[in-house]
């Protein structure tokens, strides 16, 4: 299944964690898990699409994101029937 991960910046967003976030996304891409990723044009956050065996597994992946671990962004994961 595919899962859409939304990362919405919190008021205390710390841009110092963005490089670690991009490294995290690169590691997912290198493992064949990440399909697409990118920021919103209004700079309020971004989204990425991952492949996982379950919603729980997708949440575990998303919660390993440095933006989530350092409480910079609100992370939401949705099962997505993209075509």
PDB file of N, CA and C in Angstrom:
ATOM      1  N   UNK A   1       0.828  -1.191   0.000  1.00  0.00           N
ATOM      2  CA  UNK A   1       0.000   0.000   0.000  1.00  0.00           C
ATOM      3  C   UNK A   1       0.871   1.252   0.000  1.00  0.00           C
ATOM      4  N   UNK A   2       0.253   2.322  -0.452  1.00  0.00           N
ATOM      5  CA  UNK A   2       0.908   3.630  -0.409  1.00  0.00           C
ATOM      6  C   UNK A   2       0.289   4.450   0.717  1.00  0.00           C
ATOM      7  N   UNK A   3       1.133   5.270   1.318  1.00  0.00           N
ATOM      8  CA  UNK A   3       0.697   6.125   2.422  1.00  0.00           C
ATOM      9  C   UNK A   3       1.198   7.540   2.183  1.00  0.00           C
ATOM     10  N   UNK A   4       0.316   8.485   2.411  1.00  0.00           N
ATOM     11  CA  UNK A   4       0.641   9.894   2.288  1.00  0.00           C
ATOM     12  C   UNK A   4       1.015  10.421   3.663  1.00  0.00           C
ATOM     13  N   UNK A   5       2.191  11.000   3.756  1.00  0.00           N
ATOM     14  CA  UNK A   5       2.669  11.577   5.014  1.00  0.00           C
ATOM     15  C   UNK A   5       2.653  13.095   4.860  1.00  0.00           C
ATOM     16  N   UNK A   6       1.886  13.758   5.703  1.00  0.00           N
ATOM     17  CA  UNK A   6       1.825  15.214   5.714  1.00  0.00           C
ATOM     18  C   UNK A   6       2.659  15.727   6.875  1.00  0.00           C
ATOM     19  N   UNK A   7       3.507  16.700   6.613  1.00  0.00           N
ATOM     20  CA  UNK A   7       4.312  17.316   7.667  1.00  0.00           C
ATOM     21  C   UNK A   7       3.978  18.806   7.667  1.00  0.00           C
ATOM     22  N   UNK A   8       3.263  19.243   8.692  1.00  0.00           N
ATOM     23  CA  UNK A   8       2.841  20.636   8.804  1.00  0.00           C
ATOM     24  C   UNK A   8       3.677  21.302   9.897  1.00  0.00           C
ATOM     25  N   UNK A   9       4.309  22.391   9.538  1.00  0.00           N
ATOM     26  CA  UNK A   9       5.196  23.095  10.478  1.00  0.00           C
ATOM     27  C   UNK A   9       4.430  23.594  11.694  1.00  0.00           C
ATOM     28  N   UNK A  10       5.035  23.388  12.851  1.00  0.00           N
ATOM     29  CA  UNK A  10       4.505  23.936  14.098  1.00  0.00           C
ATOM     30  C   UNK A  10       5.065  25.349  14.278  1.00  0.00           C
ATOM     31  N   UNK A  11       4.444  26.170  15.136  1.00  0.00           N
ATOM     32  CA  UNK A  11       4.957  27.527  15.355  1.00  0.00           C
ATOM     33  C   UNK A  11       6.429  27.556  15.766  1.00  0.00           C
ATOM     34  N   UNK A  12       6.878  26.536  16.474  1.00  0.00           N
ATOM     35  CA  UNK A  12       8.290  26.519  16.904  1.00  0.00           C
ATOM     36  C   UNK A  12       9.180  25.727  15.943  1.00  0.00           C
ATOM     37  N   UNK A  13       8.799  25.663  14.672  1.00  0.00           N
ATOM     38  CA  UNK A  13       9.570  24.962  13.654  1.00  0.00           C
ATOM     39  C   UNK A  13      11.024  25.433  13.691  1.00  0.00           C
ATOM     40  N   UNK A  14      11.945  24.477  13.657  1.00  0.00           N
ATOM     41  CA  UNK A  14      13.374  24.786  13.677  1.00  0.00           C
ATOM     42  C   UNK A  14      13.998  24.308  12.372  1.00  0.00           C
ATOM     43  N   UNK A  15      14.353  25.249  11.508  1.00  0.00           N
ATOM     44  CA  UNK A  15      14.910  24.924  10.196  1.00  0.00           C
ATOM     45  C   UNK A  15      16.242  24.187  10.286  1.00  0.00           C
ATOM     46  N   UNK A  16      16.866  24.174  11.441  1.00  0.00           N
ATOM     47  CA  UNK A  16      18.131  23.454  11.602  1.00  0.00           C
ATOM     48  C   UNK A  16      17.965  21.954  11.367  1.00  0.00           C
ATOM     49  N   UNK A  17      16.733  21.450  11.476  1.00  0.00           N
ATOM     50  CA  UNK A  17      16.503  20.012  11.290  1.00  0.00           C
ATOM     51  C   UNK A  17      16.131  19.643   9.854  1.00  0.00           C
ATOM     52  N   UNK A  18      16.030  20.628   8.970  1.00  0.00           N
ATOM     53  CA  UNK A  18      15.676  20.343   7.574  1.00  0.00           C
ATOM     54  C   UNK A  18      16.730  19.472   6.888  1.00  0.00           C
ATOM     55  N   UNK A  19      18.035  19.736   7.021  1.00  0.00           N
ATOM     56  CA  UNK A  19      19.009  18.837   6.386  1.00  0.00           C
ATOM     57  C   UNK A  19      18.866  17.379   6.854  1.00  0.00           C
ATOM     58  N   UNK A  20      18.617  17.166   8.139  1.00  0.00           N
ATOM     59  CA  UNK A  20      18.424  15.796   8.639  1.00  0.00           C
ATOM     60  C   UNK A  20      17.155  15.188   8.049  1.00  0.00           C
ATOM     61  N   UNK A  21      16.122  16.000   7.865  1.00  0.00           N
ATOM     62  CA  UNK A  21      14.879  15.539   7.235  1.00  0.00           C
ATOM     63  C   UNK A  21      15.163  15.083   5.801  1.00  0.00           C
ATOM     64  N   UNK A  22      15.930  15.898   5.048  1.00  0.00           N
ATOM     65  CA  UNK A  22      16.257  15.515   3.672  1.00  0.00           C
ATOM     66  C   UNK A  22      17.130  14.264   3.629  1.00  0.00           C
ATOM     67  N   UNK A  23      18.049  14.110   4.573  1.00  0.00           N
ATOM     68  CA  UNK A  23      18.849  12.879   4.655  1.00  0.00           C
ATOM     69  C   UNK A  23      17.958  11.683   4.933  1.00  0.00           C
ATOM     70  N   UNK A  24      16.971  11.859   5.818  1.00  0.00           N
ATOM     71  CA  UNK A  24      16.011  10.813   6.130  1.00  0.00           C
ATOM     72  C   UNK A  24      15.238  10.405   4.871  1.00  0.00           C
ATOM     73  N   UNK A  25      14.750  11.391   4.122  1.00  0.00           N
ATOM     74  CA  UNK A  25      14.016  11.084   2.892  1.00  0.00           C
ATOM     75  C   UNK A  25      14.905  10.364   1.887  1.00  0.00           C
ATOM     76  N   UNK A  26      16.168  10.795   1.787  1.00  0.00           N
ATOM     77  CA  UNK A  26      17.098  10.122   0.870  1.00  0.00           C
ATOM     78  C   UNK A  26      17.294   8.665   1.270  1.00  0.00           C
ATOM     79  N   UNK A  27      17.367   8.398   2.566  1.00  0.00           N
ATOM     80  CA  UNK A  27      17.543   7.011   3.011  1.00  0.00           C
ATOM     81  C   UNK A  27      16.321   6.170   2.644  1.00  0.00           C
ATOM     82  N   UNK A  28      15.128   6.755   2.751  1.00  0.00           N
ATOM     83  CA  UNK A  28      13.913   6.030   2.346  1.00  0.00           C
ATOM     84  C   UNK A  28      13.924   5.769   0.841  1.00  0.00           C
ATOM     85  N   UNK A  29      14.337   6.788   0.068  1.00  0.00           N
ATOM     86  CA  UNK A  29      14.393   6.624  -1.393  1.00  0.00           C
ATOM     87  C   UNK A  29      15.406   5.536  -1.753  1.00  0.00           C
ATOM     88  N   UNK A  30      16.577   5.555  -1.105  1.00  0.00           N
ATOM     89  CA  UNK A  30      17.614   4.561  -1.380  1.00  0.00           C
ATOM     90  C   UNK A  30      17.141   3.146  -1.065  1.00  0.00           C
ATOM     91  N   UNK A  31      16.235   3.014  -0.102  1.00  0.00           N
ATOM     92  CA  UNK A  31      15.688   1.699   0.284  1.00  0.00           C
ATOM     93  C   UNK A  31      14.476   1.312  -0.556  1.00  0.00           C
ATOM     94  N   UNK A  32      14.063   2.170  -1.490  1.00  0.00           N
ATOM     95  CA  UNK A  32      12.928   1.872  -2.354  1.00  0.00           C
ATOM     96  C   UNK A  32      11.579   2.074  -1.685  1.00  0.00           C
ATOM     97  N   UNK A  33      11.553   2.810  -0.581  1.00  0.00           N
ATOM     98  CA  UNK A  33      10.322   3.023   0.191  1.00  0.00           C
ATOM     99  C   UNK A  33       9.631   4.327  -0.208  1.00  0.00           C
ATOM    100  N   UNK A  34      10.412   5.347  -0.532  1.00  0.00           N
ATOM    101  CA  UNK A  34       9.869   6.669  -0.850  1.00  0.00           C
ATOM    102  C   UNK A  34       9.563   6.768  -2.337  1.00  0.00           C
ATOM    103  N   UNK A  35       8.341   7.207  -2.660  1.00  0.00           N
ATOM    104  CA  UNK A  35       7.954   7.389  -4.056  1.00  0.00           C
ATOM    105  C   UNK A  35       8.050   8.844  -4.500  1.00  0.00           C
ATOM    106  N   UNK A  36       7.549   9.749  -3.697  1.00  0.00           N
ATOM    107  CA  UNK A  36       7.557  11.169  -4.033  1.00  0.00           C
ATOM    108  C   UNK A  36       7.694  11.971  -2.750  1.00  0.00           C
ATOM    109  N   UNK A  37       8.232  13.192  -2.895  1.00  0.00           N
ATOM    110  CA  UNK A  37       8.348  14.075  -1.735  1.00  0.00           C
ATOM    111  C   UNK A  37       8.515  15.503  -2.214  1.00  0.00           C
ATOM    112  N   UNK A  38       8.050  16.442  -1.391  1.00  0.00           N
ATOM    113  CA  UNK A  38       8.276  17.836  -1.723  1.00  0.00           C
ATOM    114  C   UNK A  38       7.581  18.776  -0.762  1.00  0.00           C
ATOM    115  N   UNK A  39       8.065  20.022  -0.732  1.00  0.00           N
ATOM    116  CA  UNK A  39       7.471  21.028   0.151  1.00  0.00           C
ATOM    117  C   UNK A  39       6.231  21.652  -0.497  1.00  0.00           C
ATOM    118  N   UNK A  40       5.371  22.207   0.329  1.00  0.00           N
ATOM    119  CA  UNK A  40       4.254  23.004  -0.165  1.00  0.00           C
ATOM    120  C   UNK A  40       4.805  24.353  -0.596  1.00  0.00           C
ATOM    121  N   UNK A  41       4.234  24.940  -1.614  1.00  0.00           N
ATOM    122  CA  UNK A  41       4.756  26.210  -2.123  1.00  0.00           C
ATOM    123  C   UNK A  41       4.572  27.356  -1.141  1.00  0.00           C
ATOM    124  N   UNK A  42       3.639  27.216  -0.196  1.00  0.00           N
ATOM    125  CA  UNK A  42       3.468  28.283   0.806  1.00  0.00           C
ATOM    126  C   UNK A  42       4.414  28.117   1.995  1.00  0.00           C
ATOM    127  N   UNK A  43       5.274  27.100   1.942  1.00  0.00           N
ATOM    128  CA  UNK A  43       6.284  26.815   2.973  1.00  0.00           C
ATOM    129  C   UNK A  43       5.684  26.442   4.333  1.00  0.00           C
ATOM    130  N   UNK A  44       4.443  25.978   4.340  1.00  0.00           N
ATOM    131  CA  UNK A  44       3.794  25.578   5.591  1.00  0.00           C
ATOM    132  C   UNK A  44       4.146  24.151   5.997  1.00  0.00           C
ATOM    133  N   UNK A  45       4.819  23.450   5.115  1.00  0.00           N
ATOM    134  CA  UNK A  45       5.175  22.060   5.379  1.00  0.00           C
ATOM    135  C   UNK A  45       5.399  21.342   4.065  1.00  0.00           C
ATOM    136  N   UNK A  46       5.112  20.057   4.063  1.00  0.00           N
ATOM    137  CA  UNK A  46       5.297  19.277   2.851  1.00  0.00           C
ATOM    138  C   UNK A  46       4.614  17.937   2.974  1.00  0.00           C
ATOM    139  N   UNK A  47       4.870  17.089   2.000  1.00  0.00           N
ATOM    140  CA  UNK A  47       4.263  15.759   1.985  1.00  0.00           C
ATOM    141  C   UNK A  47       5.203  14.790   1.286  1.00  0.00           C
ATOM    142  N   UNK A  48       5.038  13.529   1.635  1.00  0.00           N
ATOM    143  CA  UNK A  48       5.750  12.489   0.912  1.00  0.00           C
ATOM    144  C   UNK A  48       4.917  11.219   0.894  1.00  0.00           C
ATOM    145  N   UNK A  49       5.194  10.381  -0.105  1.00  0.00           N
ATOM    146  CA  UNK A  49       4.465   9.129  -0.303  1.00  0.00           C
ATOM    147  C   UNK A  49       5.431   7.978  -0.065  1.00  0.00           C
ATOM    148  N   UNK A  50       5.036   7.079   0.833  1.00  0.00           N
ATOM    149  CA  UNK A  50       5.857   5.904   1.135  1.00  0.00           C
ATOM    150  C   UNK A  50       5.073   4.632   0.860  1.00  0.00           C
ATOM    151  N   UNK A  51       5.806   3.570   0.616  1.00  0.00           N
ATOM    152  CA  UNK A  51       5.217   2.237   0.498  1.00  0.00           C
ATOM    153  C   UNK A  51       5.489   1.502   1.809  1.00  0.00           C
ATOM    154  N   UNK A  52       4.450   0.872   2.349  1.00  0.00           N
ATOM    155  CA  UNK A  52       4.606   0.123   3.603  1.00  0.00           C
ATOM    156  C   UNK A  52       3.582  -0.998   3.630  1.00  0.00           C
ATOM    157  N   UNK A  53       3.817  -1.968   4.486  1.00  0.00           N
ATOM    158  CA  UNK A  53       2.935  -3.116   4.593  1.00  0.00           C
ATOM    159  C   UNK A  53       1.664  -2.862   5.381  1.00  0.00           C
ATOM    160  N   UNK A  54       1.646  -1.781   6.173  1.00  0.00           N
ATOM    161  CA  UNK A  54       0.468  -1.472   6.980  1.00  0.00           C
ATOM    162  C   UNK A  54       0.518   0.000   7.388  1.00  0.00           C
ATOM    163  N   UNK A  55      -0.622   0.483   7.844  1.00  0.00           N
ATOM    164  CA  UNK A  55      -0.680   1.852   8.346  1.00  0.00           C
ATOM    165  C   UNK A  55       0.263   2.022   9.534  1.00  0.00           C
ATOM    166  N   UNK A  56       0.317   1.039  10.403  1.00  0.00           N
ATOM    167  CA  UNK A  56       1.215   1.105  11.562  1.00  0.00           C
ATOM    168  C   UNK A  56       2.677   1.198  11.126  1.00  0.00           C
ATOM    169  N   UNK A  57       3.054   0.413  10.119  1.00  0.00           N
ATOM    170  CA  UNK A  57       4.432   0.451   9.620  1.00  0.00           C
ATOM    171  C   UNK A  57       4.742   1.805   8.989  1.00  0.00           C
ATOM    172  N   UNK A  58       3.785   2.377   8.275  1.00  0.00           N
ATOM    173  CA  UNK A  58       3.969   3.704   7.680  1.00  0.00           C
ATOM    174  C   UNK A  58       4.102   4.761   8.765  1.00  0.00           C
ATOM    175  N   UNK A  59       3.304   4.648   9.821  1.00  0.00           N
ATOM    176  CA  UNK A  59       3.422   5.600  10.936  1.00  0.00           C
ATOM    177  C   UNK A  59       4.780   5.476  11.619  1.00  0.00           C
ATOM    178  N   UNK A  60       5.252   4.251  11.791  1.00  0.00           N
ATOM    179  CA  UNK A  60       6.577   4.054  12.391  1.00  0.00           C
ATOM    180  C   UNK A  60       7.654   4.741  11.553  1.00  0.00           C
ATOM    181  N   UNK A  61       7.556   4.604  10.224  1.00  0.00           N
ATOM    182  CA  UNK A  61       8.513   5.272   9.342  1.00  0.00           C
ATOM    183  C   UNK A  61       8.437   6.789   9.518  1.00  0.00           C
ATOM    184  N   UNK A  62       7.226   7.324   9.437  1.00  0.00           N
ATOM    185  CA  UNK A  62       7.035   8.774   9.511  1.00  0.00           C
ATOM    186  C   UNK A  62       7.467   9.332  10.864  1.00  0.00           C
ATOM    187  N   UNK A  63       7.258   8.574  11.909  1.00  0.00           N
ATOM    188  CA  UNK A  63       7.630   9.052  13.243  1.00  0.00           C
ATOM    189  C   UNK A  63       9.140   8.998  13.482  1.00  0.00           C
ATOM    190  N   UNK A  64       9.869   8.361  12.568  1.00  0.00           N
ATOM    191  CA  UNK A  64      11.334   8.384  12.624  1.00  0.00           C
ATOM    192  C   UNK A  64      11.902   9.635  11.939  1.00  0.00           C
ATOM    193  N   UNK A  65      11.049  10.386  11.256  1.00  0.00           N
ATOM    194  CA  UNK A  65      11.457  11.613  10.576  1.00  0.00           C
ATOM    195  C   UNK A  65      11.967  12.617  11.619  1.00  0.00           C
ATOM    196  N   UNK A  66      13.147  13.193  11.407  1.00  0.00           N
ATOM    197  CA  UNK A  66      13.671  14.174  12.366  1.00  0.00           C
ATOM    198  C   UNK A  66      12.712  15.332  12.651  1.00  0.00           C
ATOM    199  N   UNK A  67      11.895  15.720  11.689  1.00  0.00           N
ATOM    200  CA  UNK A  67      10.937  16.797  11.943  1.00  0.00           C
ATOM    201  C   UNK A  67       9.914  16.389  12.991  1.00  0.00           C
ATOM    202  N   UNK A  68       9.581  15.117  13.033  1.00  0.00           N
ATOM    203  CA  UNK A  68       8.666  14.614  14.058  1.00  0.00           C
ATOM    204  C   UNK A  68       9.413  14.404  15.382  1.00  0.00           C
ATOM    205  N   UNK A  69      10.564  13.759  15.317  1.00  0.00           N
ATOM    206  CA  UNK A  69      11.313  13.441  16.543  1.00  0.00           C
ATOM    207  C   UNK A  69      11.702  14.686  17.326  1.00  0.00           C
ATOM    208  N   UNK A  70      11.920  15.800  16.622  1.00  0.00           N
ATOM    209  CA  UNK A  70      12.316  17.042  17.288  1.00  0.00           C
ATOM    210  C   UNK A  70      11.141  18.006  17.448  1.00  0.00           C
ATOM    211  N   UNK A  71       9.939  17.486  17.244  1.00  0.00           N
ATOM    212  CA  UNK A  71       8.695  18.234  17.483  1.00  0.00           C
ATOM    213  C   UNK A  71       8.617  19.535  16.678  1.00  0.00           C
ATOM    214  N   UNK A  72       9.159  19.508  15.452  1.00  0.00           N
ATOM    215  CA  UNK A  72       9.121  20.677  14.567  1.00  0.00           C
ATOM    216  C   UNK A  72       7.850  20.728  13.726  1.00  0.00           C
ATOM    217  N   UNK A  73       7.323  19.550  13.404  1.00  0.00           N
ATOM    218  CA  UNK A  73       6.171  19.459  12.515  1.00  0.00           C
ATOM    219  C   UNK A  73       5.158  18.458  13.043  1.00  0.00           C
ATOM    220  N   UNK A  74       3.904  18.736  12.747  1.00  0.00           N
ATOM    221  CA  UNK A  74       2.826  17.785  13.011  1.00  0.00           C
ATOM    222  C   UNK A  74       2.830  16.795  11.859  1.00  0.00           C
ATOM    223  N   UNK A  75       2.952  15.516  12.156  1.00  0.00           N
ATOM    224  CA  UNK A  75       3.039  14.486  11.126  1.00  0.00           C
ATOM    225  C   UNK A  75       1.762  13.652  11.144  1.00  0.00           C
ATOM    226  N   UNK A  76       1.126  13.564   9.984  1.00  0.00           N
ATOM    227  CA  UNK A  76      -0.097  12.786   9.821  1.00  0.00           C
ATOM    228  C   UNK A  76       0.127  11.790   8.697  1.00  0.00           C
ATOM    229  N   UNK A  77      -0.317  10.549   8.897  1.00  0.00           N
ATOM    230  CA  UNK A  77      -0.154   9.508   7.889  1.00  0.00           C
ATOM    231  C   UNK A  77      -1.538   9.010   7.487  1.00  0.00           C
ATOM    232  N   UNK A  78      -1.774   8.950   6.182  1.00  0.00           N
ATOM    233  CA  UNK A  78      -3.051   8.489   5.645  1.00  0.00           C
ATOM    234  C   UNK A  78      -2.807   7.396   4.614  1.00  0.00           C
ATOM    235  N   UNK A  79      -3.607   6.313   4.695  1.00  0.00           N
ATOM    236  CA  UNK A  79      -3.576   5.319   3.639  1.00  0.00           C
ATOM    237  C   UNK A  79      -4.137   5.995   2.398  1.00  0.00           C
ATOM    238  N   UNK A  80      -3.477   5.794   1.251  1.00  0.00           N
ATOM    239  CA  UNK A  80      -3.833   6.558   0.063  1.00  0.00           C
ATOM    240  C   UNK A  80      -3.987   5.630  -1.122  1.00  0.00           C
ATOM    241  N   UNK A  81      -5.149   5.644  -1.701  1.00  0.00           N
ATOM    242  CA  UNK A  81      -5.449   4.820  -2.876  1.00  0.00           C
ATOM    243  C   UNK A  81      -5.163   5.637  -4.129  1.00  0.00           C
ATOM    244  N   UNK A  82      -3.905   6.035  -4.279  1.00  0.00           N
ATOM    245  CA  UNK A  82      -3.496   6.855  -5.426  1.00  0.00           C
ATOM    246  C   UNK A  82      -3.474   6.009  -6.693  1.00  0.00           C
ATOM    247  N   UNK A  83      -3.799   6.647  -7.794  1.00  0.00           N
ATOM    248  CA  UNK A  83      -3.786   5.955  -9.100  1.00  0.00           C
ATOM    249  C   UNK A  83      -3.007   6.742 -10.104  1.00  0.00           C
TER     250      UNK A  83
END
